[in-house]
PDB file of N, CA and C in Angstrom:
ATOM      1  N   MET A   1      45.285   6.242  28.519  1.00  0.00           N
ATOM      2  CA  MET A   1      45.358   5.085  27.653  1.00  0.00           C
ATOM      3  C   MET A   1      44.063   4.268  27.725  1.00  0.00           C
ATOM      4  N   LYS A   2      43.537   4.123  28.944  1.00  0.00           N
ATOM      5  CA  LYS A   2      42.310   3.347  29.097  1.00  0.00           C
ATOM      6  C   LYS A   2      41.131   4.042  28.423  1.00  0.00           C
ATOM      7  N   LYS A   3      41.116   5.380  28.485  1.00  0.00           N
ATOM      8  CA  LYS A   3      40.033   6.117  27.833  1.00  0.00           C
ATOM      9  C   LYS A   3      40.098   5.963  26.320  1.00  0.00           C
ATOM     10  N   THR A   4      41.313   5.943  25.778  1.00  0.00           N
ATOM     11  CA  THR A   4      41.477   5.774  24.336  1.00  0.00           C
ATOM     12  C   THR A   4      40.985   4.408  23.894  1.00  0.00           C
ATOM     13  N   ILE A   5      41.359   3.387  24.624  1.00  0.00           N
ATOM     14  CA  ILE A   5      40.935   2.026  24.283  1.00  0.00           C
ATOM     15  C   ILE A   5      39.427   1.892  24.436  1.00  0.00           C
ATOM     16  N   ALA A   6      38.875   2.470  25.497  1.00  0.00           N
ATOM     17  CA  ALA A   6      37.424   2.406  25.689  1.00  0.00           C
ATOM     18  C   ALA A   6      36.697   3.137  24.565  1.00  0.00           C
ATOM     19  N   SER A   7      37.223   4.286  24.157  1.00  0.00           N
ATOM     20  CA  SER A   7      36.607   5.034  23.057  1.00  0.00           C
ATOM     21  C   SER A   7      36.665   4.240  21.758  1.00  0.00           C
ATOM     22  N   LEU A   8      37.796   3.619  21.492  1.00  0.00           N
ATOM     23  CA  LEU A   8      37.942   2.808  20.282  1.00  0.00           C
ATOM     24  C   LEU A   8      36.975   1.635  20.293  1.00  0.00           C
ATOM     25  N   MET A   9      36.810   1.002  21.447  1.00  0.00           N
ATOM     26  CA  MET A   9      35.879  -0.127  21.539  1.00  0.00           C
ATOM     27  C   MET A   9      34.440   0.328  21.300  1.00  0.00           C
ATOM     28  N   ILE A  10      34.078   1.506  21.810  1.00  0.00           N
ATOM     29  CA  ILE A  10      32.727   2.023  21.601  1.00  0.00           C
ATOM     30  C   ILE A  10      32.487   2.300  20.126  1.00  0.00           C
ATOM     31  N   VAL A  11      33.476   2.897  19.464  1.00  0.00           N
ATOM     32  CA  VAL A  11      33.340   3.183  18.036  1.00  0.00           C
ATOM     33  C   VAL A  11      33.217   1.893  17.247  1.00  0.00           C
ATOM     34  N   LEU A  12      34.029   0.898  17.568  1.00  0.00           N
ATOM     35  CA  LEU A  12      33.952  -0.378  16.850  1.00  0.00           C
ATOM     36  C   LEU A  12      32.608  -1.061  17.063  1.00  0.00           C
ATOM     37  N   MET A  13      32.087  -1.013  18.287  1.00  0.00           N
ATOM     38  CA  MET A  13      30.774  -1.613  18.536  1.00  0.00           C
ATOM     39  C   MET A  13      29.697  -0.888  17.747  1.00  0.00           C
ATOM     40  N   ALA A  14      29.799   0.426  17.650  1.00  0.00           N
ATOM     41  CA  ALA A  14      28.820   1.185  16.874  1.00  0.00           C
ATOM     42  C   ALA A  14      28.917   0.836  15.394  1.00  0.00           C
ATOM     43  N   LEU A  15      30.145   0.678  14.897  1.00  0.00           N
ATOM     44  CA  LEU A  15      30.311   0.308  13.489  1.00  0.00           C
ATOM     45  C   LEU A  15      29.758  -1.078  13.206  1.00  0.00           C
ATOM     46  N   PHE A  16      30.003  -2.024  14.108  1.00  0.00           N
ATOM     47  CA  PHE A  16      29.479  -3.364  13.899  1.00  0.00           C
ATOM     48  C   PHE A  16      27.962  -3.394  14.006  1.00  0.00           C
ATOM     49  N   ALA A  17      27.392  -2.505  14.796  1.00  0.00           N
ATOM     50  CA  ALA A  17      25.934  -2.443  14.902  1.00  0.00           C
ATOM     51  C   ALA A  17      25.321  -1.886  13.627  1.00  0.00           C
ATOM     52  N   VAL A  18      26.026  -1.018  12.920  1.00  0.00           N
ATOM     53  CA  VAL A  18      25.513  -0.390  11.707  1.00  0.00           C
ATOM     54  C   VAL A  18      25.776  -1.249  10.478  1.00  0.00           C
ATOM     55  N   THR A  19      26.797  -2.084  10.496  1.00  0.00           N
ATOM     56  CA  THR A  19      27.209  -2.855   9.326  1.00  0.00           C
ATOM     57  C   THR A  19      26.106  -3.733   8.750  1.00  0.00           C
ATOM     58  N   PRO A  20      25.343  -4.500   9.535  1.00  0.00           N
ATOM     59  CA  PRO A  20      24.278  -5.293   8.911  1.00  0.00           C
ATOM     60  C   PRO A  20      23.246  -4.437   8.197  1.00  0.00           C
ATOM     61  N   ALA A  21      22.968  -3.262   8.698  1.00  0.00           N
ATOM     62  CA  ALA A  21      22.009  -2.374   8.037  1.00  0.00           C
ATOM     63  C   ALA A  21      22.565  -1.879   6.708  1.00  0.00           C
ATOM     64  N   MET A  22      23.876  -1.714   6.622  1.00  0.00           N
ATOM     65  CA  MET A  22      24.483  -1.266   5.375  1.00  0.00           C
ATOM     66  C   MET A  22      24.471  -2.367   4.327  1.00  0.00           C
ATOM     67  N   ALA A  23      24.555  -3.611   4.744  1.00  0.00           N
ATOM     68  CA  ALA A  23      24.666  -4.715   3.804  1.00  0.00           C
ATOM     69  C   ALA A  23      23.316  -5.140   3.223  1.00  0.00           C
ATOM     70  N   ALA A  24      22.242  -4.565   3.689  1.00  0.00           N
ATOM     71  CA  ALA A  24      20.924  -4.942   3.188  1.00  0.00           C
ATOM     72  C   ALA A  24      20.818  -4.593   1.705  1.00  0.00           C
ATOM     73  N   PRO A  25      20.388  -5.545   0.853  1.00  0.00           N
ATOM     74  CA  PRO A  25      20.371  -5.303  -0.574  1.00  0.00           C
ATOM     75  C   PRO A  25      19.365  -4.242  -1.015  1.00  0.00           C
ATOM     76  N   SER A  26      18.214  -4.165  -0.375  1.00  0.00           N
ATOM     77  CA  SER A  26      17.222  -3.172  -0.787  1.00  0.00           C
ATOM     78  C   SER A  26      16.810  -2.359   0.430  1.00  0.00           C
ATOM     79  N   ARG A  27      17.457  -1.243   0.609  1.00  0.00           N
ATOM     80  CA  ARG A  27      17.142  -0.391   1.747  1.00  0.00           C
ATOM     81  C   ARG A  27      16.469   0.877   1.241  1.00  0.00           C
ATOM     82  N   PRO A  28      15.558   1.415   2.016  1.00  0.00           N
ATOM     83  CA  PRO A  28      14.925   2.670   1.602  1.00  0.00           C
ATOM     84  C   PRO A  28      15.891   3.838   1.772  1.00  0.00           C
ATOM     85  N   ALA A  29      15.723   4.856   0.962  1.00  0.00           N
ATOM     86  CA  ALA A  29      16.571   6.040   1.064  1.00  0.00           C
ATOM     87  C   ALA A  29      16.226   6.800   2.333  1.00  0.00           C
ATOM     88  N   GLY A  30      17.216   7.420   2.927  1.00  0.00           N
ATOM     89  CA  GLY A  30      17.018   8.201   4.133  1.00  0.00           C
ATOM     90  C   GLY A  30      17.189   7.360   5.380  1.00  0.00           C
ATOM     91  N   GLY A  31      16.757   7.871   6.500  1.00  0.00           N
ATOM     92  CA  GLY A  31      16.844   7.152   7.761  1.00  0.00           C
ATOM     93  C   GLY A  31      17.992   7.645   8.623  1.00  0.00           C
ATOM     94  N   ALA A  32      18.163   6.991   9.777  1.00  0.00           N
ATOM     95  CA  ALA A  32      19.160   7.413  10.753  1.00  0.00           C
ATOM     96  C   ALA A  32      20.581   7.232  10.236  1.00  0.00           C
ATOM     97  N   VAL A  33      20.853   6.122   9.571  1.00  0.00           N
ATOM     98  CA  VAL A  33      22.205   5.886   9.068  1.00  0.00           C
ATOM     99  C   VAL A  33      22.545   6.896   7.975  1.00  0.00           C
ATOM    100  N   ALA A  34      21.609   7.191   7.114  1.00  0.00           N
ATOM    101  CA  ALA A  34      21.852   8.189   6.075  1.00  0.00           C
ATOM    102  C   ALA A  34      22.085   9.566   6.696  1.00  0.00           C
ATOM    103  N   PHE A  35      21.418   9.856   7.808  1.00  0.00           N
ATOM    104  CA  PHE A  35      21.643  11.108   8.519  1.00  0.00           C
ATOM    105  C   PHE A  35      23.073  11.182   9.038  1.00  0.00           C
ATOM    106  N   VAL A  36      23.546  10.110   9.670  1.00  0.00           N
ATOM    107  CA  VAL A  36      24.918  10.079  10.191  1.00  0.00           C
ATOM    108  C   VAL A  36      25.924  10.196   9.059  1.00  0.00           C
ATOM    109  N   VAL A  37      25.688   9.482   7.974  1.00  0.00           N
ATOM    110  CA  VAL A  37      26.592   9.545   6.823  1.00  0.00           C
ATOM    111  C   VAL A  37      26.646  10.964   6.269  1.00  0.00           C
ATOM    112  N   GLY A  38      25.508  11.607   6.126  1.00  0.00           N
ATOM    113  CA  GLY A  38      25.483  12.967   5.611  1.00  0.00           C
ATOM    114  C   GLY A  38      26.159  13.960   6.539  1.00  0.00           C
ATOM    115  N   CYS A  39      25.954  13.795   7.853  1.00  0.00           N
ATOM    116  CA  CYS A  39      26.571  14.713   8.820  1.00  0.00           C
ATOM    117  C   CYS A  39      28.076  14.523   8.912  1.00  0.00           C
ATOM    118  N   CYS A  40      28.520  13.285   8.946  1.00  0.00           N
ATOM    119  CA  CYS A  40      29.945  13.013   9.179  1.00  0.00           C
ATOM    120  C   CYS A  40      30.789  13.073   7.906  1.00  0.00           C
ATOM    121  N   PHE A  41      30.215  12.734   6.766  1.00  0.00           N
ATOM    122  CA  PHE A  41      31.023  12.581   5.565  1.00  0.00           C
ATOM    123  C   PHE A  41      30.664  13.551   4.448  1.00  0.00           C
ATOM    124  N   GLY A  42      29.596  14.314   4.605  1.00  0.00           N
ATOM    125  CA  GLY A  42      29.247  15.324   3.618  1.00  0.00           C
ATOM    126  C   GLY A  42      28.091  14.925   2.729  1.00  0.00           C
ATOM    127  N   PRO A  43      27.576  15.900   1.976  1.00  0.00           N
ATOM    128  CA  PRO A  43      26.373  15.650   1.169  1.00  0.00           C
ATOM    129  C   PRO A  43      26.601  14.684   0.010  1.00  0.00           C
ATOM    130  N   ARG A  44      27.779  14.679  -0.596  1.00  0.00           N
ATOM    131  CA  ARG A  44      28.021  13.776  -1.723  1.00  0.00           C
ATOM    132  C   ARG A  44      28.001  12.319  -1.263  1.00  0.00           C
ATOM    133  N   THR A  45      28.622  12.027  -0.136  1.00  0.00           N
ATOM    134  CA  THR A  45      28.623  10.663   0.395  1.00  0.00           C
ATOM    135  C   THR A  45      27.238  10.269   0.875  1.00  0.00           C
ATOM    136  N   GLY A  46      26.513  11.209   1.491  1.00  0.00           N
ATOM    137  CA  GLY A  46      25.146  10.926   1.924  1.00  0.00           C
ATOM    138  C   GLY A  46      24.234  10.610   0.753  1.00  0.00           C
ATOM    139  N   ALA A  47      24.391  11.352  -0.338  1.00  0.00           N
ATOM    140  CA  ALA A  47      23.576  11.090  -1.533  1.00  0.00           C
ATOM    141  C   ALA A  47      23.945   9.747  -2.161  1.00  0.00           C
ATOM    142  N   ALA A  48      25.230   9.413  -2.182  1.00  0.00           N
ATOM    143  CA  ALA A  48      25.654   8.120  -2.723  1.00  0.00           C
ATOM    144  C   ALA A  48      25.118   6.979  -1.869  1.00  0.00           C
ATOM    145  N   TYR A  49      25.096   7.171  -0.548  1.00  0.00           N
ATOM    146  CA  TYR A  49      24.545   6.148   0.336  1.00  0.00           C
ATOM    147  C   TYR A  49      23.052   5.950   0.056  1.00  0.00           C
ATOM    148  N   ASN A  50      22.329   7.046  -0.166  1.00  0.00           N
ATOM    149  CA  ASN A  50      20.903   6.935  -0.487  1.00  0.00           C
ATOM    150  C   ASN A  50      20.669   6.295  -1.846  1.00  0.00           C
ATOM    151  N   ASP A  51      21.660   6.360  -2.741  1.00  0.00           N
ATOM    152  CA  ASP A  51      21.564   5.702  -4.044  1.00  0.00           C
ATOM    153  C   ASP A  51      21.868   4.214  -3.958  1.00  0.00           C
ATOM    154  N   GLY A  52      22.222   3.721  -2.773  1.00  0.00           N
ATOM    155  CA  GLY A  52      22.485   2.300  -2.592  1.00  0.00           C
ATOM    156  C   GLY A  52      23.953   1.933  -2.539  1.00  0.00           C
ATOM    157  N   LYS A  53      24.838   2.910  -2.512  1.00  0.00           N
ATOM    158  CA  LYS A  53      26.272   2.634  -2.433  1.00  0.00           C
ATOM    159  C   LYS A  53      26.683   2.488  -0.975  1.00  0.00           C
ATOM    160  N   ASN A  54      27.630   1.604  -0.701  1.00  0.00           N
ATOM    161  CA  ASN A  54      28.170   1.443   0.641  1.00  0.00           C
ATOM    162  C   ASN A  54      29.348   2.381   0.836  1.00  0.00           C
ATOM    163  N   LEU A  55      29.733   2.586   2.078  1.00  0.00           N
ATOM    164  CA  LEU A  55      30.882   3.424   2.379  1.00  0.00           C
ATOM    165  C   LEU A  55      32.146   2.579   2.394  1.00  0.00           C
ATOM    166  N   HIS A  56      33.197   3.122   1.819  1.00  0.00           N
ATOM    167  CA  HIS A  56      34.489   2.453   1.798  1.00  0.00           C
ATOM    168  C   HIS A  56      35.127   2.583   3.170  1.00  0.00           C
ATOM    169  N   TRP A  57      36.024   1.657   3.518  1.00  0.00           N
ATOM    170  CA  TRP A  57      36.623   1.684   4.849  1.00  0.00           C
ATOM    171  C   TRP A  57      37.422   2.955   5.092  1.00  0.00           C
ATOM    172  N   THR A  58      37.972   3.567   4.041  1.00  0.00           N
ATOM    173  CA  THR A  58      38.720   4.809   4.241  1.00  0.00           C
ATOM    174  C   THR A  58      37.795   5.962   4.610  1.00  0.00           C
ATOM    175  N   GLU A  59      36.505   5.820   4.343  1.00  0.00           N
ATOM    176  CA  GLU A  59      35.540   6.828   4.779  1.00  0.00           C
ATOM    177  C   GLU A  59      35.093   6.569   6.213  1.00  0.00           C
ATOM    178  N   TRP A  60      34.875   5.307   6.574  1.00  0.00           N
ATOM    179  CA  TRP A  60      34.451   4.972   7.932  1.00  0.00           C
ATOM    180  C   TRP A  60      35.541   5.277   8.950  1.00  0.00           C
ATOM    181  N   ILE A  61      36.799   5.138   8.564  1.00  0.00           N
ATOM    182  CA  ILE A  61      37.896   5.327   9.522  1.00  0.00           C
ATOM    183  C   ILE A  61      38.010   6.783   9.963  1.00  0.00           C
ATOM    184  N   ARG A  62      37.411   7.704   9.225  1.00  0.00           N
ATOM    185  CA  ARG A  62      37.468   9.125   9.598  1.00  0.00           C
ATOM    186  C   ARG A  62      36.782   9.412  10.923  1.00  0.00           C
ATOM    187  N   ILE A  63      35.882   8.552  11.352  1.00  0.00           N
ATOM    188  CA  ILE A  63      35.166   8.768  12.605  1.00  0.00           C
ATOM    189  C   ILE A  63      36.111   8.632  13.803  1.00  0.00           C
ATOM    190  N   ILE A  64      37.110   7.770  13.689  1.00  0.00           N
ATOM    191  CA  ILE A  64      38.008   7.489  14.813  1.00  0.00           C
ATOM    192  C   ILE A  64      39.000   8.641  14.959  1.00  0.00           C
ATOM    193  N   PRO A  65      39.058   9.270  16.129  1.00  0.00           N
ATOM    194  CA  PRO A  65      40.002  10.371  16.316  1.00  0.00           C
ATOM    195  C   PRO A  65      41.444   9.909  16.128  1.00  0.00           C
ATOM    196  N   ILE A  66      42.265  10.753  15.611  1.00  0.00           N
ATOM    197  CA  ILE A  66      43.694  10.575  15.341  1.00  0.00           C
ATOM    198  C   ILE A  66      43.921   9.566  14.221  1.00  0.00           C
ATOM    199  N   VAL A  67      43.308   8.384  14.296  1.00  0.00           N
ATOM    200  CA  VAL A  67      43.491   7.355  13.271  1.00  0.00           C
ATOM    201  C   VAL A  67      42.839   7.774  11.956  1.00  0.00           C
ATOM    202  N   GLY A  68      41.833   8.643  12.031  1.00  0.00           N
ATOM    203  CA  GLY A  68      41.114   9.072  10.843  1.00  0.00           C
ATOM    204  C   GLY A  68      41.984   9.748   9.797  1.00  0.00           C
ATOM    205  N   PHE A  69      43.099  10.320  10.230  1.00  0.00           N
ATOM    206  CA  PHE A  69      43.994  10.964   9.277  1.00  0.00           C
ATOM    207  C   PHE A  69      44.622   9.975   8.304  1.00  0.00           C
ATOM    208  N   ILE A  70      44.712   8.704   8.691  1.00  0.00           N
ATOM    209  CA  ILE A  70      45.274   7.689   7.794  1.00  0.00           C
ATOM    210  C   ILE A  70      44.398   7.553   6.555  1.00  0.00           C
ATOM    211  N   GLY A  71      43.077   7.491   6.759  1.00  0.00           N
ATOM    212  CA  GLY A  71      42.164   7.420   5.618  1.00  0.00           C
ATOM    213  C   GLY A  71      42.253   8.652   4.746  1.00  0.00           C
ATOM    214  N   ASP A  72      42.411   9.826   5.376  1.00  0.00           N
ATOM    215  CA  ASP A  72      42.545  11.063   4.609  1.00  0.00           C
ATOM    216  C   ASP A  72      43.819  11.056   3.768  1.00  0.00           C
ATOM    217  N   ILE A  73      44.897  10.561   4.346  1.00  0.00           N
ATOM    218  CA  ILE A  73      46.167  10.496   3.603  1.00  0.00           C
ATOM    219  C   ILE A  73      46.053   9.529   2.439  1.00  0.00           C
ATOM    220  N   ILE A  74      45.419   8.369   2.659  1.00  0.00           N
ATOM    221  CA  ILE A  74      45.242   7.391   1.580  1.00  0.00           C
ATOM    222  C   ILE A  74      44.384   7.985   0.468  1.00  0.00           C
ATOM    223  N   ASN A  75      43.305   8.678   0.830  1.00  0.00           N
ATOM    224  CA  ASN A  75      42.454   9.320  -0.182  1.00  0.00           C
ATOM    225  C   ASN A  75      43.210  10.409  -0.923  1.00  0.00           C
ATOM    226  N   GLY A  76      44.054  11.151  -0.212  1.00  0.00           N
ATOM    227  CA  GLY A  76      44.860  12.185  -0.857  1.00  0.00           C
ATOM    228  C   GLY A  76      45.859  11.604  -1.839  1.00  0.00           C
ATOM    229  N   ILE A  77      46.463  10.492  -1.478  1.00  0.00           N
ATOM    230  CA  ILE A  77      47.417   9.830  -2.382  1.00  0.00           C
ATOM    231  C   ILE A  77      46.699   9.323  -3.625  1.00  0.00           C
ATOM    232  N   ASP A  78      45.497   8.754  -3.441  1.00  0.00           N
ATOM    233  CA  ASP A  78      44.717   8.301  -4.600  1.00  0.00           C
ATOM    234  C   ASP A  78      44.384   9.468  -5.519  1.00  0.00           C
ATOM    235  N   GLY A  79      43.994  10.605  -4.942  1.00  0.00           N
ATOM    236  CA  GLY A  79      43.691  11.779  -5.756  1.00  0.00           C
ATOM    237  C   GLY A  79      44.932  12.320  -6.455  1.00  0.00           C
ATOM    238  N   MET A  80      46.071  12.312  -5.756  1.00  0.00           N
ATOM    239  CA  MET A  80      47.321  12.791  -6.343  1.00  0.00           C
ATOM    240  C   MET A  80      47.742  11.922  -7.528  1.00  0.00           C
ATOM    241  N   ASN A  81      47.445  10.637  -7.447  1.00  0.00           N
ATOM    242  CA  ASN A  81      47.807   9.718  -8.528  1.00  0.00           C
ATOM    243  C   ASN A  81      46.822   9.754  -9.692  1.00  0.00           C
ATOM    244  N   GLY A  82      45.787  10.600  -9.601  1.00  0.00           N
ATOM    245  CA  GLY A  82      44.854  10.752 -10.709  1.00  0.00           C
ATOM    246  C   GLY A  82      43.729   9.739 -10.735  1.00  0.00           C
ATOM    247  N   MET A  83      43.475   9.060  -9.616  1.00  0.00           N
ATOM    248  CA  MET A  83      42.410   8.060  -9.584  1.00  0.00           C
ATOM    249  C   MET A  83      41.056   8.766  -9.591  1.00  0.00           C
ATOM    250  N   ASP A  84      40.178   8.359 -10.502  1.00  0.00           N
ATOM    251  CA  ASP A  84      38.834   8.930 -10.552  1.00  0.00           C
ATOM    252  C   ASP A  84      37.818   7.875 -10.134  1.00  0.00           C
ATOM    253  N   THR A  85      36.542   8.221 -10.206  1.00  0.00           N
ATOM    254  CA  THR A  85      35.490   7.335  -9.726  1.00  0.00           C
ATOM    255  C   THR A  85      35.437   6.026 -10.501  1.00  0.00           C
ATOM    256  N   ALA A  86      35.682   6.082 -11.802  1.00  0.00           N
ATOM    257  CA  ALA A  86      35.669   4.853 -12.606  1.00  0.00           C
ATOM    258  C   ALA A  86      36.806   3.912 -12.192  1.00  0.00           C
ATOM    259  N   ASP A  87      37.975   4.474 -11.895  1.00  0.00           N
ATOM    260  CA  ASP A  87      39.093   3.650 -11.430  1.00  0.00           C
ATOM    261  C   ASP A  87      38.789   3.021 -10.075  1.00  0.00           C
ATOM    262  N   MET A  88      38.169   3.800  -9.191  1.00  0.00           N
ATOM    263  CA  MET A  88      37.819   3.268  -7.869  1.00  0.00           C
ATOM    264  C   MET A  88      36.767   2.173  -7.975  1.00  0.00           C
ATOM    265  N   ALA A  89      35.796   2.342  -8.873  1.00  0.00           N
ATOM    266  CA  ALA A  89      34.772   1.310  -9.074  1.00  0.00           C
ATOM    267  C   ALA A  89      35.398   0.021  -9.592  1.00  0.00           C
ATOM    268  N   GLN A  90      36.410   0.156 -10.455  1.00  0.00           N
ATOM    269  CA  GLN A  90      37.085  -1.031 -10.979  1.00  0.00           C
ATOM    270  C   GLN A  90      37.949  -1.688  -9.901  1.00  0.00           C
ATOM    271  N   THR A  91      38.611  -0.883  -9.069  1.00  0.00           N
ATOM    272  CA  THR A  91      39.496  -1.415  -8.051  1.00  0.00           C
ATOM    273  C   THR A  91      38.732  -2.004  -6.869  1.00  0.00           C
ATOM    274  N   TYR A  92      37.773  -1.255  -6.329  1.00  0.00           N
ATOM    275  CA  TYR A  92      37.099  -1.651  -5.100  1.00  0.00           C
ATOM    276  C   TYR A  92      35.746  -2.278  -5.321  1.00  0.00           C
ATOM    277  N   GLY A  93      35.179  -2.127  -6.501  1.00  0.00           N
ATOM    278  CA  GLY A  93      33.868  -2.698  -6.778  1.00  0.00           C
ATOM    279  C   GLY A  93      32.815  -1.614  -6.925  1.00  0.00           C
ATOM    280  N   SER A  94      31.803  -1.922  -7.699  1.00  0.00           N
ATOM    281  CA  SER A  94      30.768  -0.924  -7.993  1.00  0.00           C
ATOM    282  C   SER A  94      29.817  -0.699  -6.823  1.00  0.00           C
ATOM    283  N   GLN A  95      29.891  -1.518  -5.769  1.00  0.00           N
ATOM    284  CA  GLN A  95      29.028  -1.288  -4.618  1.00  0.00           C
ATOM    285  C   GLN A  95      29.464  -0.085  -3.799  1.00  0.00           C
ATOM    286  N   TYR A  96      30.701   0.368  -4.001  1.00  0.00           N
ATOM    287  CA  TYR A  96      31.192   1.534  -3.270  1.00  0.00           C
ATOM    288  C   TYR A  96      31.155   2.805  -4.108  1.00  0.00           C
ATOM    289  N   TYR A  97      31.433   2.709  -5.404  1.00  0.00           N
ATOM    290  CA  TYR A  97      31.550   3.905  -6.252  1.00  0.00           C
ATOM    291  C   TYR A  97      30.722   3.759  -7.502  1.00  0.00           C
TER     292      TYR A  97
END
């Protein structure tokens, strides 16, 4: 139990350390964060990040072991309901999609 809590705290600290870099209005394409995004979330998300889009919380939650399946289930439900990129941009904002 202590290892799980310690792991969760480390992940949260890493996310909070990366968050200010994500919120920068004019960031150059590429870099360490874009590398992590591309490795962990795939080439489409990495390319969107380089285009200036931020990651949605359902994408960031995938990093956390066991809890990451919640984001996958939510994304699956959105896909099952026929939600496309335009719907997501309207719902969550154009900074993500």
